[in-house]
Amino acid sequence: MNSIERLQDLIHDKFDVDKSKMDADAPFADYNIDSLTLAELIFTIEDEFHVTVPDSAATSITTLRGLAQMLDSLTATPQAA
């Protein structure tokens, strides 16, 4: 399962968004994910994947593909304790 699929599962489970309707390049707003919801999603990603997401991600990442790319880079690099 790739990062986009894993994030789709997470978004579906947490926010009840239909996975079949998720487009990796659509803005989060298309799924009613606003800045507060995105912050909640980022906290969930940190817990689920044991990574530390940079604070800038909440304002700079606007799509599922962007979030997956960030996650891939975070999981490819060992995290500082």
PDB file of N, CA and C in Angstrom:
ATOM      1  N   MET A   1       0.862  -1.174   0.000  1.00  0.00           N
ATOM      2  CA  MET A   1       0.000   0.000   0.000  1.00  0.00           C
ATOM      3  C   MET A   1       0.909   1.238   0.000  1.00  0.00           C
ATOM      4  N   ASN A   2       0.665   2.162  -0.920  1.00  0.00           N
ATOM      5  CA  ASN A   2       1.493   3.367  -0.978  1.00  0.00           C
ATOM      6  C   ASN A   2       0.967   4.430  -0.012  1.00  0.00           C
ATOM      7  N   SER A   3       1.711   5.527   0.088  1.00  0.00           N
ATOM      8  CA  SER A   3       1.363   6.575   1.061  1.00  0.00           C
ATOM      9  C   SER A   3       0.013   7.208   0.780  1.00  0.00           C
ATOM     10  N   ILE A   4      -0.299   7.424  -0.495  1.00  0.00           N
ATOM     11  CA  ILE A   4      -1.594   8.023  -0.825  1.00  0.00           C
ATOM     12  C   ILE A   4      -2.723   7.115  -0.346  1.00  0.00           C
ATOM     13  N   GLU A   5      -2.607   5.824  -0.586  1.00  0.00           N
ATOM     14  CA  GLU A   5      -3.652   4.887  -0.147  1.00  0.00           C
ATOM     15  C   GLU A   5      -3.750   4.849   1.378  1.00  0.00           C
ATOM     16  N   ARG A   6      -2.620   4.871   2.039  1.00  0.00           N
ATOM     17  CA  ARG A   6      -2.625   4.850   3.508  1.00  0.00           C
ATOM     18  C   ARG A   6      -3.296   6.108   4.052  1.00  0.00           C
ATOM     19  N   LEU A   7      -2.991   7.256   3.439  1.00  0.00           N
ATOM     20  CA  LEU A   7      -3.609   8.511   3.877  1.00  0.00           C
ATOM     21  C   LEU A   7      -5.094   8.544   3.536  1.00  0.00           C
ATOM     22  N   GLN A   8      -5.479   7.982   2.398  1.00  0.00           N
ATOM     23  CA  GLN A   8      -6.903   7.895   2.059  1.00  0.00           C
ATOM     24  C   GLN A   8      -7.645   7.081   3.112  1.00  0.00           C
ATOM     25  N   ASP A   9      -7.065   5.966   3.521  1.00  0.00           N
ATOM     26  CA  ASP A   9      -7.687   5.152   4.568  1.00  0.00           C
ATOM     27  C   ASP A   9      -7.834   5.956   5.861  1.00  0.00           C
ATOM     28  N   LEU A  10      -6.787   6.680   6.212  1.00  0.00           N
ATOM     29  CA  LEU A  10      -6.801   7.473   7.440  1.00  0.00           C
ATOM     30  C   LEU A  10      -7.866   8.569   7.375  1.00  0.00           C
ATOM     31  N   ILE A  11      -7.938   9.267   6.245  1.00  0.00           N
ATOM     32  CA  ILE A  11      -8.926  10.337   6.085  1.00  0.00           C
ATOM     33  C   ILE A  11     -10.339   9.759   6.078  1.00  0.00           C
ATOM     34  N   HIS A  12     -10.494   8.621   5.448  1.00  0.00           N
ATOM     35  CA  HIS A  12     -11.815   7.972   5.444  1.00  0.00           C
ATOM     36  C   HIS A  12     -12.228   7.595   6.868  1.00  0.00           C
ATOM     37  N   ASP A  13     -11.320   6.957   7.589  1.00  0.00           N
ATOM     38  CA  ASP A  13     -11.641   6.509   8.948  1.00  0.00           C
ATOM     39  C   ASP A  13     -11.895   7.676   9.899  1.00  0.00           C
ATOM     40  N   LYS A  14     -11.096   8.727   9.783  1.00  0.00           N
ATOM     41  CA  LYS A  14     -11.172   9.841  10.728  1.00  0.00           C
ATOM     42  C   LYS A  14     -12.273  10.847  10.383  1.00  0.00           C
ATOM     43  N   PHE A  15     -12.485  11.088   9.074  1.00  0.00           N
ATOM     44  CA  PHE A  15     -13.400  12.155   8.666  1.00  0.00           C
ATOM     45  C   PHE A  15     -14.538  11.678   7.776  1.00  0.00           C
ATOM     46  N   ASP A  16     -14.637  10.372   7.574  1.00  0.00           N
ATOM     47  CA  ASP A  16     -15.732   9.764   6.812  1.00  0.00           C
ATOM     48  C   ASP A  16     -15.840  10.308   5.382  1.00  0.00           C
ATOM     49  N   VAL A  17     -14.688  10.491   4.743  1.00  0.00           N
ATOM     50  CA  VAL A  17     -14.660  10.908   3.343  1.00  0.00           C
ATOM     51  C   VAL A  17     -14.581   9.647   2.492  1.00  0.00           C
ATOM     52  N   ASP A  18     -15.425   9.557   1.477  1.00  0.00           N
ATOM     53  CA  ASP A  18     -15.470   8.401   0.594  1.00  0.00           C
ATOM     54  C   ASP A  18     -14.160   8.289  -0.187  1.00  0.00           C
ATOM     55  N   LYS A  19     -13.437   7.186  -0.001  1.00  0.00           N
ATOM     56  CA  LYS A  19     -12.138   7.001  -0.657  1.00  0.00           C
ATOM     57  C   LYS A  19     -12.248   7.029  -2.175  1.00  0.00           C
ATOM     58  N   SER A  20     -13.329   6.530  -2.708  1.00  0.00           N
ATOM     59  CA  SER A  20     -13.468   6.477  -4.166  1.00  0.00           C
ATOM     60  C   SER A  20     -13.626   7.868  -4.782  1.00  0.00           C
ATOM     61  N   LYS A  21     -13.943   8.842  -3.967  1.00  0.00           N
ATOM     62  CA  LYS A  21     -14.124  10.208  -4.463  1.00  0.00           C
ATOM     63  C   LYS A  21     -12.898  11.094  -4.217  1.00  0.00           C
ATOM     64  N   MET A  22     -11.870  10.533  -3.573  1.00  0.00           N
ATOM     65  CA  MET A  22     -10.674  11.318  -3.284  1.00  0.00           C
ATOM     66  C   MET A  22      -9.773  11.370  -4.504  1.00  0.00           C
ATOM     67  N   ASP A  23      -9.410  12.581  -4.882  1.00  0.00           N
ATOM     68  CA  ASP A  23      -8.465  12.825  -5.958  1.00  0.00           C
ATOM     69  C   ASP A  23      -7.195  13.346  -5.303  1.00  0.00           C
ATOM     70  N   ALA A  24      -6.075  12.699  -5.570  1.00  0.00           N
ATOM     71  CA  ALA A  24      -4.816  13.058  -4.915  1.00  0.00           C
ATOM     72  C   ALA A  24      -4.394  14.497  -5.172  1.00  0.00           C
ATOM     73  N   ASP A  25      -4.890  15.086  -6.262  1.00  0.00           N
ATOM     74  CA  ASP A  25      -4.481  16.445  -6.616  1.00  0.00           C
ATOM     75  C   ASP A  25      -5.539  17.499  -6.304  1.00  0.00           C
ATOM     76  N   ALA A  26      -6.660  17.092  -5.747  1.00  0.00           N
ATOM     77  CA  ALA A  26      -7.719  18.047  -5.385  1.00  0.00           C
ATOM     78  C   ALA A  26      -7.362  18.716  -4.065  1.00  0.00           C
ATOM     79  N   PRO A  27      -7.731  19.975  -3.904  1.00  0.00           N
ATOM     80  CA  PRO A  27      -7.455  20.645  -2.627  1.00  0.00           C
ATOM     81  C   PRO A  27      -8.261  20.017  -1.491  1.00  0.00           C
ATOM     82  N   PHE A  28      -7.696  20.071  -0.297  1.00  0.00           N
ATOM     83  CA  PHE A  28      -8.380  19.513   0.875  1.00  0.00           C
ATOM     84  C   PHE A  28      -9.766  20.118   1.062  1.00  0.00           C
ATOM     85  N   ALA A  29      -9.932  21.354   0.667  1.00  0.00           N
ATOM     86  CA  ALA A  29     -11.236  22.016   0.805  1.00  0.00           C
ATOM     87  C   ALA A  29     -12.339  21.249   0.080  1.00  0.00           C
ATOM     88  N   ASP A  30     -11.984  20.523  -0.982  1.00  0.00           N
ATOM     89  CA  ASP A  30     -12.978  19.718  -1.699  1.00  0.00           C
ATOM     90  C   ASP A  30     -13.583  18.634  -0.824  1.00  0.00           C
ATOM     91  N   TYR A  31     -12.895  18.281   0.246  1.00  0.00           N
ATOM     92  CA  TYR A  31     -13.373  17.232   1.172  1.00  0.00           C
ATOM     93  C   TYR A  31     -13.794  17.829   2.505  1.00  0.00           C
ATOM     94  N   ASN A  32     -14.031  19.138   2.512  1.00  0.00           N
ATOM     95  CA  ASN A  32     -14.408  19.857   3.729  1.00  0.00           C
ATOM     96  C   ASN A  32     -13.350  19.749   4.818  1.00  0.00           C
ATOM     97  N   ILE A  33     -12.085  19.677   4.406  1.00  0.00           N
ATOM     98  CA  ILE A  33     -10.984  19.672   5.351  1.00  0.00           C
ATOM     99  C   ILE A  33     -10.427  21.095   5.388  1.00  0.00           C
ATOM    100  N   ASP A  34     -10.766  21.808   6.461  1.00  0.00           N
ATOM    101  CA  ASP A  34     -10.287  23.179   6.620  1.00  0.00           C
ATOM    102  C   ASP A  34      -8.982  23.156   7.422  1.00  0.00           C
ATOM    103  N   SER A  35      -8.478  24.328   7.777  1.00  0.00           N
ATOM    104  CA  SER A  35      -7.184  24.397   8.453  1.00  0.00           C
ATOM    105  C   SER A  35      -7.193  23.697   9.817  1.00  0.00           C
ATOM    106  N   LEU A  36      -8.281  23.800  10.550  1.00  0.00           N
ATOM    107  CA  LEU A  36      -8.352  23.115  11.851  1.00  0.00           C
ATOM    108  C   LEU A  36      -8.417  21.599  11.684  1.00  0.00           C
ATOM    109  N   THR A  37      -9.172  21.153  10.690  1.00  0.00           N
ATOM    110  CA  THR A  37      -9.272  19.727  10.425  1.00  0.00           C
ATOM    111  C   THR A  37      -7.934  19.193   9.927  1.00  0.00           C
ATOM    112  N   LEU A  38      -7.248  19.985   9.107  1.00  0.00           N
ATOM    113  CA  LEU A  38      -5.932  19.578   8.624  1.00  0.00           C
ATOM    114  C   LEU A  38      -4.951  19.451   9.788  1.00  0.00           C
ATOM    115  N   ALA A  39      -5.019  20.364  10.735  1.00  0.00           N
ATOM    116  CA  ALA A  39      -4.158  20.268  11.915  1.00  0.00           C
ATOM    117  C   ALA A  39      -4.440  18.971  12.675  1.00  0.00           C
ATOM    118  N   GLU A  40      -5.706  18.633  12.817  1.00  0.00           N
ATOM    119  CA  GLU A  40      -6.079  17.377  13.475  1.00  0.00           C
ATOM    120  C   GLU A  40      -5.548  16.175  12.690  1.00  0.00           C
ATOM    121  N   LEU A  41      -5.645  16.249  11.362  1.00  0.00           N
ATOM    122  CA  LEU A  41      -5.124  15.179  10.514  1.00  0.00           C
ATOM    123  C   LEU A  41      -3.613  15.052  10.687  1.00  0.00           C
ATOM    124  N   ILE A  42      -2.922  16.165  10.750  1.00  0.00           N
ATOM    125  CA  ILE A  42      -1.470  16.134  10.927  1.00  0.00           C
ATOM    126  C   ILE A  42      -1.093  15.492  12.262  1.00  0.00           C
ATOM    127  N   PHE A  43      -1.817  15.810  13.326  1.00  0.00           N
ATOM    128  CA  PHE A  43      -1.551  15.165  14.624  1.00  0.00           C
ATOM    129  C   PHE A  43      -1.777  13.653  14.530  1.00  0.00           C
ATOM    130  N   THR A  44      -2.807  13.267  13.813  1.00  0.00           N
ATOM    131  CA  THR A  44      -3.096  11.837  13.633  1.00  0.00           C
ATOM    132  C   THR A  44      -1.982  11.166  12.843  1.00  0.00           C
ATOM    133  N   ILE A  45      -1.493  11.831  11.803  1.00  0.00           N
ATOM    134  CA  ILE A  45      -0.390  11.292  11.000  1.00  0.00           C
ATOM    135  C   ILE A  45       0.851  11.118  11.869  1.00  0.00           C
ATOM    136  N   GLU A  46       1.135  12.100  12.712  1.00  0.00           N
ATOM    137  CA  GLU A  46       2.296  11.990  13.602  1.00  0.00           C
ATOM    138  C   GLU A  46       2.168  10.772  14.509  1.00  0.00           C
ATOM    139  N   ASP A  47       0.993  10.564  15.068  1.00  0.00           N
ATOM    140  CA  ASP A  47       0.768   9.409  15.944  1.00  0.00           C
ATOM    141  C   ASP A  47       0.827   8.099  15.179  1.00  0.00           C
ATOM    142  N   GLU A  48       0.171   8.061  14.028  1.00  0.00           N
ATOM    143  CA  GLU A  48       0.054   6.830  13.244  1.00  0.00           C
ATOM    144  C   GLU A  48       1.383   6.385  12.634  1.00  0.00           C
ATOM    145  N   PHE A  49       2.168   7.343  12.139  1.00  0.00           N
ATOM    146  CA  PHE A  49       3.388   7.015  11.409  1.00  0.00           C
ATOM    147  C   PHE A  49       4.658   7.295  12.209  1.00  0.00           C
ATOM    148  N   HIS A  50       4.508   7.792  13.441  1.00  0.00           N
ATOM    149  CA  HIS A  50       5.652   8.055  14.330  1.00  0.00           C
ATOM    150  C   HIS A  50       6.658   8.991  13.669  1.00  0.00           C
ATOM    151  N   VAL A  51       6.147  10.112  13.176  1.00  0.00           N
ATOM    152  CA  VAL A  51       6.967  11.142  12.549  1.00  0.00           C
ATOM    153  C   VAL A  51       6.626  12.486  13.191  1.00  0.00           C
ATOM    154  N   THR A  52       7.477  13.462  12.947  1.00  0.00           N
ATOM    155  CA  THR A  52       7.205  14.833  13.370  1.00  0.00           C
ATOM    156  C   THR A  52       7.012  15.662  12.110  1.00  0.00           C
ATOM    157  N   VAL A  53       5.817  16.162  11.932  1.00  0.00           N
ATOM    158  CA  VAL A  53       5.477  16.954  10.754  1.00  0.00           C
ATOM    159  C   VAL A  53       5.853  18.408  11.036  1.00  0.00           C
ATOM    160  N   PRO A  54       6.577  19.037  10.106  1.00  0.00           N
ATOM    161  CA  PRO A  54       6.939  20.449  10.307  1.00  0.00           C
ATOM    162  C   PRO A  54       5.692  21.326  10.421  1.00  0.00           C
ATOM    163  N   ASP A  55       5.776  22.369  11.251  1.00  0.00           N
ATOM    164  CA  ASP A  55       4.645  23.280  11.429  1.00  0.00           C
ATOM    165  C   ASP A  55       4.201  23.904  10.109  1.00  0.00           C
ATOM    166  N   SER A  56       5.132  24.118   9.213  1.00  0.00           N
ATOM    167  CA  SER A  56       4.810  24.753   7.929  1.00  0.00           C
ATOM    168  C   SER A  56       3.889  23.895   7.058  1.00  0.00           C
ATOM    169  N   ALA A  57       3.798  22.608   7.337  1.00  0.00           N
ATOM    170  CA  ALA A  57       2.968  21.715   6.516  1.00  0.00           C
ATOM    171  C   ALA A  57       1.504  22.121   6.541  1.00  0.00           C
ATOM    172  N   ALA A  58       1.047  22.633   7.662  1.00  0.00           N
ATOM    173  CA  ALA A  58      -0.368  22.998   7.784  1.00  0.00           C
ATOM    174  C   ALA A  58      -0.761  24.114   6.830  1.00  0.00           C
ATOM    175  N   THR A  59       0.189  24.933   6.423  1.00  0.00           N
ATOM    176  CA  THR A  59      -0.139  26.031   5.507  1.00  0.00           C
ATOM    177  C   THR A  59       0.400  25.808   4.102  1.00  0.00           C
ATOM    178  N   SER A  60       1.397  24.954   3.961  1.00  0.00           N
ATOM    179  CA  SER A  60       2.011  24.788   2.647  1.00  0.00           C
ATOM    180  C   SER A  60       1.486  23.589   1.866  1.00  0.00           C
ATOM    181  N   ILE A  61       0.913  22.619   2.539  1.00  0.00           N
ATOM    182  CA  ILE A  61       0.426  21.412   1.855  1.00  0.00           C
ATOM    183  C   ILE A  61      -1.078  21.526   1.691  1.00  0.00           C
ATOM    184  N   THR A  62      -1.530  21.424   0.450  1.00  0.00           N
ATOM    185  CA  THR A  62      -2.952  21.643   0.175  1.00  0.00           C
ATOM    186  C   THR A  62      -3.635  20.467  -0.493  1.00  0.00           C
ATOM    187  N   THR A  63      -2.870  19.398  -0.798  1.00  0.00           N
ATOM    188  CA  THR A  63      -3.458  18.238  -1.477  1.00  0.00           C
ATOM    189  C   THR A  63      -2.992  16.946  -0.824  1.00  0.00           C
ATOM    190  N   LEU A  64      -3.704  15.900  -1.112  1.00  0.00           N
ATOM    191  CA  LEU A  64      -3.348  14.572  -0.625  1.00  0.00           C
ATOM    192  C   LEU A  64      -1.986  14.150  -1.168  1.00  0.00           C
ATOM    193  N   ARG A  65      -1.712  14.440  -2.447  1.00  0.00           N
ATOM    194  CA  ARG A  65      -0.424  14.085  -3.037  1.00  0.00           C
ATOM    195  C   ARG A  65       0.711  14.813  -2.307  1.00  0.00           C
ATOM    196  N   GLY A  66       0.529  16.082  -2.016  1.00  0.00           N
ATOM    197  CA  GLY A  66       1.545  16.836  -1.283  1.00  0.00           C
ATOM    198  C   GLY A  66       1.784  16.257   0.100  1.00  0.00           C
ATOM    199  N   LEU A  67       0.708  15.871   0.755  1.00  0.00           N
ATOM    200  CA  LEU A  67       0.819  15.258   2.082  1.00  0.00           C
ATOM    201  C   LEU A  67       1.549  13.921   1.993  1.00  0.00           C
ATOM    202  N   ALA A  68       1.251  13.131   0.975  1.00  0.00           N
ATOM    203  CA  ALA A  68       1.915  11.838   0.788  1.00  0.00           C
ATOM    204  C   ALA A  68       3.401  12.024   0.495  1.00  0.00           C
ATOM    205  N   GLN A  69       3.746  13.021  -0.309  1.00  0.00           N
ATOM    206  CA  GLN A  69       5.161  13.289  -0.606  1.00  0.00           C
ATOM    207  C   GLN A  69       5.904  13.696   0.656  1.00  0.00           C
ATOM    208  N   MET A  70       5.278  14.523   1.488  1.00  0.00           N
ATOM    209  CA  MET A  70       5.891  14.924   2.737  1.00  0.00           C
ATOM    210  C   MET A  70       6.079  13.706   3.640  1.00  0.00           C
ATOM    211  N   LEU A  71       5.061  12.863   3.720  1.00  0.00           N
ATOM    212  CA  LEU A  71       5.140  11.663   4.549  1.00  0.00           C
ATOM    213  C   LEU A  71       6.248  10.740   4.056  1.00  0.00           C
ATOM    214  N   ASP A  72       6.349  10.573   2.752  1.00  0.00           N
ATOM    215  CA  ASP A  72       7.416   9.740   2.193  1.00  0.00           C
ATOM    216  C   ASP A  72       8.794  10.268   2.579  1.00  0.00           C
ATOM    217  N   SER A  73       8.968  11.585   2.515  1.00  0.00           N
ATOM    218  CA  SER A  73      10.276  12.148   2.867  1.00  0.00           C
ATOM    219  C   SER A  73      10.543  11.994   4.366  1.00  0.00           C
ATOM    220  N   LEU A  74       9.518  12.116   5.195  1.00  0.00           N
ATOM    221  CA  LEU A  74       9.704  11.969   6.637  1.00  0.00           C
ATOM    222  C   LEU A  74      10.000  10.530   7.032  1.00  0.00           C
ATOM    223  N   THR A  75       9.378   9.586   6.368  1.00  0.00           N
ATOM    224  CA  THR A  75       9.602   8.174   6.725  1.00  0.00           C
ATOM    225  C   THR A  75      10.885   7.643   6.109  1.00  0.00           C
ATOM    226  N   ALA A  76      11.418   8.324   5.103  1.00  0.00           N
ATOM    227  CA  ALA A  76      12.677   7.902   4.485  1.00  0.00           C
ATOM    228  C   ALA A  76      13.872   8.395   5.294  1.00  0.00           C
ATOM    229  N   THR A  77      13.661   9.433   6.105  1.00  0.00           N
ATOM    230  CA  THR A  77      14.730  10.038   6.893  1.00  0.00           C
ATOM    231  C   THR A  77      14.514   9.707   8.369  1.00  0.00           C
ATOM    232  N   PRO A  78      15.527   9.186   9.040  1.00  0.00           N
ATOM    233  CA  PRO A  78      15.364   8.917  10.480  1.00  0.00           C
ATOM    234  C   PRO A  78      15.016  10.207  11.219  1.00  0.00           C
ATOM    235  N   GLN A  79      14.092  10.110  12.157  1.00  0.00           N
ATOM    236  CA  GLN A  79      13.630  11.262  12.935  1.00  0.00           C
ATOM    237  C   GLN A  79      14.544  11.484  14.133  1.00  0.00           C
ATOM    238  N   ALA A  80      14.815  12.732  14.421  1.00  0.00           N
ATOM    239  CA  ALA A  80      15.598  13.063  15.619  1.00  0.00           C
ATOM    240  C   ALA A  80      14.731  12.858  16.851  1.00  0.00           C
ATOM    241  N   ALA A  81      15.323  12.396  17.908  1.00  0.00           N
ATOM    242  CA  ALA A  81      14.568  12.138  19.142  1.00  0.00           C
ATOM    243  C   ALA A  81      14.340  13.387  19.929  1.00  0.00           C
TER     244      ALA A  81
END
